N, C-alpha and C. Protein backbone atom coordinates (compact mmCIF):
# COMPACT_ATOMS: atom_id res chain seq x y z
N MET A 1 83.96 96.41 64.62
CA MET A 1 83.37 95.34 65.39
C MET A 1 84.37 94.21 65.61
N SER A 2 85.29 94.02 64.67
CA SER A 2 86.26 92.94 64.80
C SER A 2 87.24 93.23 65.94
N LYS A 3 87.52 94.52 66.19
CA LYS A 3 88.42 94.88 67.29
C LYS A 3 87.79 94.52 68.64
N LEU A 4 86.50 94.74 68.74
CA LEU A 4 85.79 94.42 69.98
C LEU A 4 85.80 92.92 70.22
N LYS A 5 85.56 92.15 69.19
CA LYS A 5 85.58 90.69 69.31
C LYS A 5 86.98 90.21 69.68
N ALA A 6 88.01 90.79 69.08
CA ALA A 6 89.39 90.42 69.40
C ALA A 6 89.71 90.75 70.85
N TYR A 7 89.21 91.89 71.31
CA TYR A 7 89.45 92.30 72.70
C TYR A 7 88.88 91.25 73.66
N PHE A 8 87.63 90.86 73.45
CA PHE A 8 87.01 89.88 74.34
C PHE A 8 87.67 88.50 74.23
N THR A 9 88.07 88.12 73.05
CA THR A 9 88.75 86.84 72.86
C THR A 9 90.08 86.82 73.60
N GLU A 10 90.85 87.90 73.46
CA GLU A 10 92.15 87.97 74.14
C GLU A 10 91.98 88.08 75.66
N SER A 11 90.96 88.79 76.10
CA SER A 11 90.69 88.89 77.53
C SER A 11 90.36 87.53 78.11
N TYR A 12 89.54 86.77 77.40
CA TYR A 12 89.18 85.42 77.85
C TYR A 12 90.42 84.53 77.92
N GLN A 13 91.28 84.61 76.94
CA GLN A 13 92.50 83.81 76.93
C GLN A 13 93.40 84.17 78.10
N GLU A 14 93.51 85.44 78.42
CA GLU A 14 94.34 85.88 79.55
C GLU A 14 93.75 85.40 80.87
N LEU A 15 92.44 85.44 80.99
CA LEU A 15 91.79 84.98 82.23
C LEU A 15 92.02 83.49 82.46
N ARG A 16 92.14 82.73 81.40
CA ARG A 16 92.39 81.29 81.53
C ARG A 16 93.81 81.03 82.05
N LYS A 17 94.73 81.98 81.88
CA LYS A 17 96.11 81.83 82.34
C LYS A 17 96.29 82.20 83.81
N VAL A 18 95.29 82.83 84.39
CA VAL A 18 95.40 83.31 85.77
C VAL A 18 95.46 82.12 86.72
N ASN A 19 96.34 82.24 87.70
CA ASN A 19 96.47 81.21 88.74
C ASN A 19 95.52 81.58 89.88
N TRP A 20 94.29 81.07 89.83
CA TRP A 20 93.28 81.43 90.81
C TRP A 20 93.57 80.75 92.15
N PRO A 21 93.34 81.44 93.28
CA PRO A 21 93.58 80.81 94.59
C PRO A 21 92.53 79.76 94.89
N THR A 22 92.91 78.80 95.74
CA THR A 22 91.95 77.78 96.15
C THR A 22 90.97 78.39 97.15
N ARG A 23 89.93 77.66 97.45
CA ARG A 23 88.94 78.13 98.41
C ARG A 23 89.57 78.34 99.78
N GLN A 24 90.43 77.40 100.19
CA GLN A 24 91.09 77.50 101.50
C GLN A 24 92.01 78.72 101.56
N GLU A 25 92.74 78.99 100.49
CA GLU A 25 93.61 80.17 100.45
C GLU A 25 92.80 81.46 100.56
N THR A 26 91.69 81.48 99.85
CA THR A 26 90.82 82.66 99.88
C THR A 26 90.28 82.90 101.28
N ILE A 27 89.82 81.84 101.94
CA ILE A 27 89.28 81.97 103.30
C ILE A 27 90.38 82.41 104.25
N ARG A 28 91.54 81.79 104.17
CA ARG A 28 92.65 82.13 105.07
C ARG A 28 93.08 83.58 104.90
N LEU A 29 93.23 84.02 103.67
CA LEU A 29 93.66 85.39 103.43
C LEU A 29 92.59 86.41 103.82
N THR A 30 91.33 86.04 103.67
CA THR A 30 90.24 86.92 104.09
C THR A 30 90.27 87.10 105.60
N VAL A 31 90.50 86.00 106.33
CA VAL A 31 90.59 86.08 107.79
C VAL A 31 91.77 86.95 108.20
N VAL A 32 92.90 86.81 107.51
CA VAL A 32 94.08 87.63 107.82
C VAL A 32 93.75 89.11 107.64
N VAL A 33 93.07 89.46 106.57
CA VAL A 33 92.71 90.86 106.31
C VAL A 33 91.76 91.38 107.38
N ILE A 34 90.79 90.58 107.78
CA ILE A 34 89.83 91.01 108.81
C ILE A 34 90.53 91.22 110.14
N VAL A 35 91.40 90.27 110.54
CA VAL A 35 92.12 90.39 111.82
C VAL A 35 93.04 91.61 111.79
N PHE A 36 93.76 91.80 110.70
CA PHE A 36 94.66 92.96 110.61
C PHE A 36 93.86 94.26 110.67
N SER A 37 92.73 94.31 109.99
CA SER A 37 91.89 95.52 110.01
C SER A 37 91.38 95.82 111.42
N LEU A 38 90.96 94.77 112.13
CA LEU A 38 90.50 94.97 113.50
C LEU A 38 91.64 95.44 114.40
N ALA A 39 92.83 94.89 114.23
CA ALA A 39 93.98 95.30 115.04
C ALA A 39 94.32 96.76 114.80
N VAL A 40 94.31 97.19 113.56
CA VAL A 40 94.59 98.59 113.23
C VAL A 40 93.50 99.49 113.80
N ALA A 41 92.25 99.07 113.71
CA ALA A 41 91.14 99.87 114.24
C ALA A 41 91.26 100.03 115.75
N ILE A 42 91.60 98.95 116.45
CA ILE A 42 91.77 99.01 117.90
C ILE A 42 92.94 99.92 118.26
N PHE A 43 94.06 99.78 117.55
CA PHE A 43 95.23 100.62 117.80
C PHE A 43 94.90 102.09 117.61
N LEU A 44 94.24 102.42 116.51
CA LEU A 44 93.90 103.82 116.25
C LEU A 44 92.88 104.34 117.26
N GLY A 45 91.96 103.49 117.69
CA GLY A 45 90.98 103.89 118.71
C GLY A 45 91.66 104.20 120.03
N LEU A 46 92.61 103.35 120.42
CA LEU A 46 93.34 103.61 121.66
C LEU A 46 94.18 104.87 121.56
N LEU A 47 94.82 105.06 120.42
CA LEU A 47 95.61 106.27 120.19
C LEU A 47 94.73 107.51 120.29
N ASP A 48 93.54 107.44 119.71
CA ASP A 48 92.59 108.55 119.77
C ASP A 48 92.19 108.84 121.21
N MET A 49 91.96 107.79 121.99
CA MET A 49 91.58 107.98 123.40
C MET A 49 92.70 108.65 124.18
N VAL A 50 93.94 108.23 123.95
CA VAL A 50 95.08 108.80 124.66
C VAL A 50 95.24 110.28 124.31
N PHE A 51 95.18 110.60 123.01
CA PHE A 51 95.32 111.99 122.60
C PHE A 51 94.15 112.84 123.09
N SER A 52 92.94 112.31 123.07
CA SER A 52 91.77 113.06 123.57
C SER A 52 91.93 113.35 125.06
N TYR A 53 92.41 112.37 125.82
CA TYR A 53 92.63 112.56 127.24
C TYR A 53 93.70 113.63 127.47
N GLY A 54 94.78 113.58 126.70
CA GLY A 54 95.85 114.57 126.83
C GLY A 54 95.37 115.98 126.51
N ILE A 55 94.58 116.12 125.46
CA ILE A 55 94.05 117.44 125.09
C ILE A 55 93.11 117.94 126.18
N ARG A 56 92.27 117.05 126.72
CA ARG A 56 91.36 117.46 127.80
C ARG A 56 92.14 117.97 129.02
N LEU A 57 93.26 117.31 129.33
CA LEU A 57 94.08 117.75 130.47
C LEU A 57 94.67 119.13 130.21
N LEU A 58 95.05 119.41 128.99
CA LEU A 58 95.63 120.71 128.66
C LEU A 58 94.60 121.83 128.66
N ILE A 59 93.38 121.52 128.23
CA ILE A 59 92.35 122.55 128.09
C ILE A 59 91.64 122.81 129.42
N THR A 60 91.32 121.76 130.15
CA THR A 60 90.58 121.89 131.40
C THR A 60 91.54 122.27 132.53
N PRO A 61 91.21 123.36 133.24
CA PRO A 61 92.12 123.79 134.35
C PRO A 61 92.04 122.89 135.56
């Protein structure tokens, strides 16, 4: 039982050392991730459309 208590005590001490981001940093980085994800989704969607069109041209006489 003492090992478990030591584990939680040390974990708590380590969490206090963490440099947590500010609210503004969190919001800014979240927006960056969302915009990047949308850009990648649009790029892959366009790529899929181009390849689908190319395959259709090859298959359809």
